[in-house]
Amino acid sequence: MTQDNDRVSGEDSLIARYFRPLATDPGAFNLDDDAAALKAAGEDIVVTTDAIVEGVHFLPNDPPDTLARKALRVNLSDIAAKGATPAGFVLTLALRGADETWLKPFAQALGEDAVHFGCPLLGGDTVSTPGPLMISITAFGRVPEGRMVHRAGAKVGDRVFVTGSIGDAALGLDVLRGGPAAQALADDSAARDFLAGRYRVPQPRNALAPAVRDHASAAMDVSDGLAGDLAKLCAASGVSAEIELPRVPHSPAAAALLARSTVGVEVLIAGGDDYEILCAVPEDRAEAFALMAQRAGVAATEIGRVVAGRTGPRFVDGQGQELALERLSYSHF
């Protein structure tokens, strides 16, 4: 594909101004080459990619700094769930125009997160589009050779853990859209802001990666909903699971809406965008895993156990009655 010189120089100027300062790894070659190089000595390179699209993963009026953080952090969440350490990322931006008022805060926030998580920019591409804004990131992580934690591997008797709190992001989207959660929290701006923040800016649990690597038999991040993602982990492992709903962690804001019947528990466990870590841990390692999580400053809650079977996981209430779910997770198609 050929481009006129003005277009090429305009793209080069955009990259040099906003993104070259983020390319701090020597393997990025100051963004002057067509590829980057990652060095690995006795390690495996873990690769993951996610795109976020306007109108699908974020709202048209979401601030650019939150978009930058979300785009990188959803990938960092996958890296963490594999027990890996961030190594770098490449960025593809599909923009309707080179708007400095958008690009400047976007690049600044992306650079701040790159430094905070130790995940520098290695390269990428910028393109123009007449369609919705799209941000795609491919992230790389390092893990000791053969130590990446897979979805497959959970065994009968393993304990099921999840980090953080579940359902906040789904409620945050509802708040931003002015739905029932927004109406119920009309007099609680702090709760509204908290939930909206959980939707816009995920909190990847990279501090927990060593504990996942050392103790989990299987793990993945919760991106499409706890119920559906647990079903994927169980299917990959050839097992099932039984989850005690009262033990599933919820934030005070989500718990209050649940107690008032503003939302049902299905909204919380089947909603997407939590970006927490879900893992199965052998019983004899559960205590050590919990201790490492505590030391890392990451809340990790045991919510059930892995059981024999090929059916989907069961979610039971405080009386042992199974909750029949109409849907398990968010799905694009």
Protein backbone atom coordinates (compact mmCIF):
# COMPACT_ATOMS: atom_id res chain seq x y z
CA MET A 1 0.00 0.00 0.00
CA THR A 2 1.36 3.42 -0.89
CA GLN A 3 0.69 6.73 0.78
CA ASP A 4 1.45 10.30 -0.26
CA ASN A 5 4.42 11.98 1.40
CA ASP A 6 2.29 14.38 3.42
CA ARG A 7 0.40 11.50 4.96
CA VAL A 8 3.56 9.56 5.77
CA SER A 9 5.28 12.58 7.32
CA GLY A 10 2.12 13.39 9.28
CA GLU A 11 2.02 9.91 10.73
CA ASP A 12 5.74 10.02 11.53
CA SER A 13 5.28 13.36 13.26
CA LEU A 14 2.38 12.00 15.33
CA ILE A 15 4.42 8.97 16.41
CA ALA A 16 7.49 11.03 17.23
CA ARG A 17 5.55 13.56 19.25
CA TYR A 18 3.26 11.34 21.29
CA PHE A 19 4.63 7.81 21.36
CA ARG A 20 8.42 7.82 20.89
CA PRO A 21 8.88 9.07 24.49
CA LEU A 22 7.08 5.92 25.67
CA ALA A 23 9.46 3.56 23.85
CA THR A 24 12.06 3.29 26.60
CA ASP A 25 13.10 -0.35 26.07
CA PRO A 26 16.33 -0.72 24.05
CA GLY A 27 14.58 -3.33 21.93
CA ALA A 28 12.16 -0.69 20.64
CA PHE A 29 15.05 1.00 18.75
CA ASN A 30 13.50 4.41 19.41
CA LEU A 31 10.63 3.41 17.08
CA ASP A 32 12.96 3.94 14.11
CA ASP A 33 12.74 0.38 12.81
CA ASP A 34 10.01 -1.87 11.41
CA ALA A 35 10.13 -4.32 14.32
CA ALA A 36 11.23 -4.63 17.93
CA ALA A 37 13.31 -7.26 19.69
CA LEU A 38 12.68 -8.91 23.05
CA LYS A 39 15.48 -10.82 24.74
CA ALA A 40 14.70 -13.94 26.74
CA ALA A 41 17.24 -15.94 28.73
CA GLY A 42 15.78 -19.14 30.15
CA GLU A 43 12.29 -17.67 29.87
CA ASP A 44 9.17 -18.13 27.79
CA ILE A 45 7.57 -15.10 26.15
CA VAL A 46 3.85 -14.92 26.83
CA VAL A 47 1.81 -13.07 24.19
CA THR A 48 -1.74 -11.75 24.46
CA THR A 49 -3.81 -9.27 22.50
CA ASP A 50 -7.05 -7.41 23.03
CA ALA A 51 -8.77 -4.62 21.15
CA ILE A 52 -11.26 -2.14 22.53
CA VAL A 53 -13.76 -0.58 20.13
CA GLU A 54 -15.87 2.54 20.54
CA GLY A 55 -19.48 1.66 21.20
CA VAL A 56 -18.59 -1.91 22.18
CA HIS A 57 -15.98 -1.70 24.95
CA PHE A 58 -16.24 1.97 25.81
CA LEU A 59 -18.64 4.86 25.39
CA PRO A 60 -18.07 7.60 22.79
CA ASN A 61 -17.65 10.24 25.50
CA ASP A 62 -15.21 8.28 27.68
CA PRO A 63 -12.12 10.39 28.48
CA PRO A 64 -9.02 9.53 26.41
CA ASP A 65 -6.85 8.95 29.49
CA THR A 66 -9.21 6.22 30.72
CA LEU A 67 -9.20 4.61 27.26
CA ALA A 68 -5.39 4.44 27.29
CA ARG A 69 -5.34 2.82 30.71
CA LYS A 70 -8.12 0.37 29.87
CA ALA A 71 -6.52 -0.68 26.58
CA LEU A 72 -3.23 -1.57 28.27
CA ARG A 73 -4.63 -2.93 31.49
CA VAL A 74 -6.98 -5.49 29.94
CA ASN A 75 -3.88 -7.05 28.38
CA LEU A 76 -1.87 -6.79 31.60
CA SER A 77 -4.69 -8.71 33.29
CA ASP A 78 -4.14 -11.64 30.91
CA ILE A 79 -0.39 -11.48 31.54
CA ALA A 80 -0.97 -11.62 35.30
CA ALA A 81 -3.32 -14.60 35.04
CA LYS A 82 -0.59 -16.55 33.23
CA GLY A 83 1.82 -15.94 36.10
CA ALA A 84 4.01 -13.73 33.90
CA THR A 85 5.80 -10.41 34.34
CA PRO A 86 5.07 -7.60 31.82
CA ALA A 87 7.81 -7.09 29.21
CA GLY A 88 6.36 -4.60 26.72
CA PHE A 89 3.55 -3.93 24.26
CA VAL A 90 2.77 -2.82 20.72
CA LEU A 91 -0.07 -0.43 19.96
CA THR A 92 -2.39 -0.05 16.98
CA LEU A 93 -4.58 3.02 16.83
CA ALA A 94 -7.41 3.51 14.33
CA LEU A 95 -8.28 7.20 14.55
CA ARG A 96 -10.78 9.42 12.77
CA GLY A 97 -8.30 12.28 12.97
CA ALA A 98 -5.11 13.48 14.64
CA ASP A 99 -6.74 15.52 17.41
CA GLU A 100 -4.12 16.89 19.81
CA THR A 101 -6.68 17.47 22.57
CA TRP A 102 -7.37 13.71 22.48
CA LEU A 103 -3.87 12.39 21.73
CA LYS A 104 -2.03 14.33 24.41
CA PRO A 105 -3.93 12.98 27.46
CA PHE A 106 -4.12 9.54 25.83
CA ALA A 107 -0.35 9.33 25.37
CA GLN A 108 0.36 10.80 28.80
CA ALA A 109 -1.83 8.24 30.59
CA LEU A 110 -0.46 5.39 28.48
CA GLY A 111 3.07 6.44 29.37
CA GLU A 112 2.25 6.65 33.08
CA ASP A 113 0.81 3.14 33.07
CA ALA A 114 3.72 1.81 31.02
CA VAL A 115 6.10 3.03 33.71
CA HIS A 116 3.90 1.96 36.63
CA PHE A 117 3.53 -1.61 35.36
CA GLY A 118 7.00 -1.93 33.86
CA CYS A 119 5.60 -2.51 30.38
CA PRO A 120 7.18 -0.14 27.82
CA LEU A 121 5.94 0.59 24.32
CA LEU A 122 7.84 -1.41 21.69
CA GLY A 123 6.16 -0.25 18.49
CA GLY A 124 2.88 -0.33 16.62
CA ASP A 125 0.88 1.36 13.90
CA THR A 126 -1.47 4.30 13.41
CA VAL A 127 -4.18 4.30 10.76
CA SER A 128 -7.10 6.51 9.85
CA THR A 129 -10.64 5.20 9.83
CA PRO A 130 -14.07 6.61 8.97
CA GLY A 131 -15.56 4.20 11.48
CA PRO A 132 -15.44 3.87 15.25
CA LEU A 133 -12.25 4.52 17.20
CA MET A 134 -10.33 1.30 17.84
CA ILE A 135 -7.36 0.71 20.14
CA SER A 136 -5.57 -2.64 19.90
CA ILE A 137 -2.68 -3.68 22.10
CA THR A 138 -0.56 -6.80 21.98
CA ALA A 139 1.31 -7.30 25.24
CA PHE A 140 4.29 -9.50 26.01
CA GLY A 141 5.27 -11.05 29.30
CA ARG A 142 8.12 -13.14 30.64
CA VAL A 143 7.72 -16.31 32.65
CA PRO A 144 10.29 -18.95 33.69
CA GLU A 145 10.53 -21.63 31.03
CA GLY A 146 7.57 -24.02 31.11
CA ARG A 147 5.88 -22.21 33.99
CA MET A 148 3.03 -20.38 32.24
CA VAL A 149 -0.28 -21.19 33.95
CA HIS A 150 -2.96 -22.42 31.53
CA ARG A 151 -6.74 -22.61 31.65
CA ALA A 152 -6.37 -26.36 31.55
CA GLY A 153 -4.98 -28.06 34.64
CA ALA A 154 -7.65 -27.74 37.32
CA LYS A 155 -8.14 -30.96 39.28
CA VAL A 156 -11.01 -32.32 41.37
CA GLY A 157 -10.61 -31.02 44.91
CA ASP A 158 -8.88 -27.79 43.92
CA ARG A 159 -10.12 -24.64 45.61
CA VAL A 160 -11.50 -21.88 43.39
CA PHE A 161 -10.26 -18.36 44.12
CA VAL A 162 -11.14 -14.99 42.62
CA THR A 163 -9.48 -11.64 43.25
CA GLY A 164 -11.01 -8.26 44.00
CA SER A 165 -14.76 -7.81 43.70
CA ILE A 166 -17.15 -9.08 41.06
CA GLY A 167 -19.82 -7.17 39.14
CA ASP A 168 -18.64 -3.60 39.64
CA ALA A 169 -17.84 -2.94 35.98
CA ALA A 170 -21.24 -4.13 34.74
CA LEU A 171 -22.87 -1.80 37.26
CA GLY A 172 -20.50 0.99 36.26
CA LEU A 173 -21.62 0.74 32.65
CA ASP A 174 -25.23 0.86 33.84
CA VAL A 175 -24.43 3.97 35.87
CA LEU A 176 -22.84 5.68 32.85
CA ARG A 177 -25.86 4.81 30.73
CA GLY A 178 -28.29 6.18 33.32
CA GLY A 179 -29.84 2.80 34.07
CA PRO A 180 -31.42 1.36 37.24
CA ALA A 181 -28.12 1.44 39.16
CA ALA A 182 -27.70 5.15 38.40
CA GLN A 183 -31.22 5.88 39.58
CA ALA A 184 -30.82 3.83 42.77
CA LEU A 185 -27.57 5.66 43.56
CA ALA A 186 -28.84 9.12 42.66
CA ASP A 187 -27.94 10.42 46.13
CA ASP A 188 -24.60 8.59 46.38
CA SER A 189 -22.10 10.20 44.03
CA ALA A 190 -19.17 8.36 45.62
CA ALA A 191 -20.70 4.98 44.81
CA ARG A 192 -21.56 6.08 41.27
CA ASP A 193 -18.03 7.34 40.69
CA PHE A 194 -16.52 4.16 42.14
CA LEU A 195 -18.55 1.89 39.87
CA ALA A 196 -17.95 4.03 36.77
CA GLY A 197 -14.24 4.00 37.57
CA ARG A 198 -14.21 0.21 37.80
CA TYR A 199 -15.72 0.03 34.30
CA ARG A 200 -13.42 2.62 32.76
CA VAL A 201 -10.12 1.77 34.45
CA PRO A 202 -9.53 -1.91 35.35
CA GLN A 203 -7.11 -2.87 38.12
CA PRO A 204 -4.94 -5.71 36.77
CA ARG A 205 -3.59 -7.96 39.52
CA ASN A 206 0.01 -8.20 38.33
CA ALA A 207 1.28 -8.24 41.91
CA LEU A 208 -0.37 -11.66 42.24
CA ALA A 209 1.47 -13.23 39.27
CA PRO A 210 4.13 -14.98 41.41
CA ALA A 211 1.45 -16.58 43.59
CA VAL A 212 -0.46 -17.75 40.52
CA ARG A 213 2.72 -19.16 39.00
CA ASP A 214 3.80 -20.92 42.19
CA HIS A 215 0.50 -22.35 43.36
CA ALA A 216 -2.35 -22.31 40.80
CA SER A 217 -3.12 -25.37 38.71
CA ALA A 218 -5.20 -23.32 36.25
CA ALA A 219 -6.00 -19.64 35.85
CA MET A 220 -7.49 -16.99 33.59
CA ASP A 221 -8.68 -13.44 33.92
CA VAL A 222 -12.37 -12.60 34.33
CA SER A 223 -13.16 -10.46 31.32
CA ASP A 224 -16.52 -11.72 30.05
CA GLY A 225 -18.12 -12.57 33.42
CA LEU A 226 -17.27 -14.87 36.32
CA ALA A 227 -19.85 -17.52 35.42
CA GLY A 228 -18.88 -17.78 31.78
CA ASP A 229 -15.14 -17.59 32.32
CA LEU A 230 -15.28 -20.26 35.02
CA ALA A 231 -17.20 -22.44 32.55
CA LYS A 232 -14.36 -21.95 30.04
CA LEU A 233 -11.72 -22.90 32.62
CA CYS A 234 -13.69 -25.99 33.64
CA ALA A 235 -14.22 -27.06 30.02
CA ALA A 236 -10.52 -26.71 29.25
CA SER A 237 -9.67 -28.75 32.35
CA GLY A 238 -12.32 -31.44 31.85
CA VAL A 239 -13.94 -30.79 35.23
CA SER A 240 -16.81 -28.89 36.80
CA ALA A 241 -17.10 -26.65 39.87
CA GLU A 242 -19.47 -25.73 42.66
CA ILE A 243 -19.51 -22.09 43.70
CA GLU A 244 -21.11 -20.73 46.87
CA LEU A 245 -22.76 -17.47 45.85
CA PRO A 246 -22.63 -15.89 49.34
CA ARG A 247 -18.82 -16.17 49.18
CA VAL A 248 -18.45 -14.35 45.86
CA PRO A 249 -16.90 -10.98 46.78
CA HIS A 250 -18.80 -7.79 45.95
CA SER A 251 -17.94 -4.19 46.68
CA PRO A 252 -20.10 -2.31 49.21
CA ALA A 253 -21.77 -0.44 46.32
CA ALA A 254 -22.63 -3.65 44.47
CA ALA A 255 -23.72 -5.42 47.67
CA ALA A 256 -26.07 -2.55 48.50
CA LEU A 257 -27.72 -2.70 45.07
CA LEU A 258 -28.03 -6.47 45.40
CA ALA A 259 -29.59 -6.19 48.87
CA ARG A 260 -32.12 -3.65 47.55
CA SER A 261 -32.97 -5.95 44.61
CA THR A 262 -31.98 -3.21 42.18
CA VAL A 263 -29.99 -5.91 40.41
CA GLY A 264 -29.96 -9.67 40.67
CA VAL A 265 -26.87 -11.74 41.33
CA GLU A 266 -26.85 -12.91 37.69
CA VAL A 267 -26.04 -9.37 36.56
CA LEU A 268 -22.98 -9.39 38.79
CA ILE A 269 -21.58 -12.83 37.96
CA ALA A 270 -22.39 -12.77 34.24
CA GLY A 271 -21.42 -9.17 33.50
CA GLY A 272 -18.12 -8.45 31.80
CA ASP A 273 -15.10 -6.20 32.32
CA ASP A 274 -14.16 -7.26 35.87
CA TYR A 275 -10.55 -8.07 34.90
CA GLU A 276 -9.92 -10.04 38.06
CA ILE A 277 -7.98 -13.30 38.30
CA LEU A 278 -9.86 -16.59 38.56
CA CYS A 279 -7.79 -19.61 39.52
CA ALA A 280 -7.91 -23.17 40.80
CA VAL A 281 -5.46 -23.96 43.58
CA PRO A 282 -4.72 -27.45 45.00
CA GLU A 283 -6.06 -27.82 48.53
CA ASP A 284 -2.61 -28.32 50.03
CA ARG A 285 -1.44 -25.03 48.45
CA ALA A 286 -4.50 -22.90 49.20
CA GLU A 287 -3.14 -21.51 52.46
CA ALA A 288 0.21 -20.58 50.89
CA PHE A 289 -1.57 -18.95 47.94
CA ALA A 290 -3.78 -16.90 50.26
CA LEU A 291 -0.75 -15.82 52.26
CA MET A 292 1.14 -14.70 49.15
CA ALA A 293 -1.93 -12.78 48.00
CA GLN A 294 -2.16 -11.04 51.35
CA ARG A 295 1.51 -10.09 51.23
CA ALA A 296 1.05 -8.78 47.68
CA GLY A 297 -1.84 -6.60 48.83
CA VAL A 298 -4.37 -8.35 46.58
CA ALA A 299 -7.68 -9.54 47.99
CA ALA A 300 -8.19 -13.18 46.98
CA THR A 301 -11.36 -14.97 48.07
CA GLU A 302 -12.04 -18.71 48.06
CA ILE A 303 -15.51 -19.13 46.51
CA GLY A 304 -15.87 -22.86 45.89
CA ARG A 305 -14.19 -26.02 44.72
CA VAL A 306 -13.54 -28.04 41.61
CA VAL A 307 -15.69 -31.17 41.31
CA ALA A 308 -15.92 -34.09 38.92
CA GLY A 309 -18.14 -33.77 35.88
CA ARG A 310 -18.38 -32.33 32.39
CA THR A 311 -21.37 -30.07 32.94
CA GLY A 312 -21.03 -26.36 33.58
CA PRO A 313 -20.26 -25.07 37.06
CA ARG A 314 -23.05 -24.88 39.63
CA PHE A 315 -23.78 -21.69 41.55
CA VAL A 316 -25.62 -22.36 44.80
CA ASP A 317 -27.19 -19.97 47.30
CA GLY A 318 -26.95 -20.01 51.08
CA GLN A 319 -29.52 -22.81 51.25
CA GLY A 320 -27.70 -24.97 48.76
CA GLN A 321 -30.18 -24.28 45.98
CA GLU A 322 -28.73 -23.94 42.49
CA LEU A 323 -29.23 -20.68 40.66
CA ALA A 324 -30.44 -21.26 37.10
CA LEU A 325 -28.60 -18.74 34.93
CA GLU A 326 -30.19 -17.46 31.73
CA ARG A 327 -26.77 -16.33 30.49
CA LEU A 328 -23.23 -17.02 31.63
CA SER A 329 -21.31 -14.08 30.23
CA TYR A 330 -21.04 -11.25 27.76
CA SER A 331 -20.63 -12.43 24.17
CA HIS A 332 -19.68 -10.42 21.06
CA PHE A 333 -21.64 -12.72 18.74
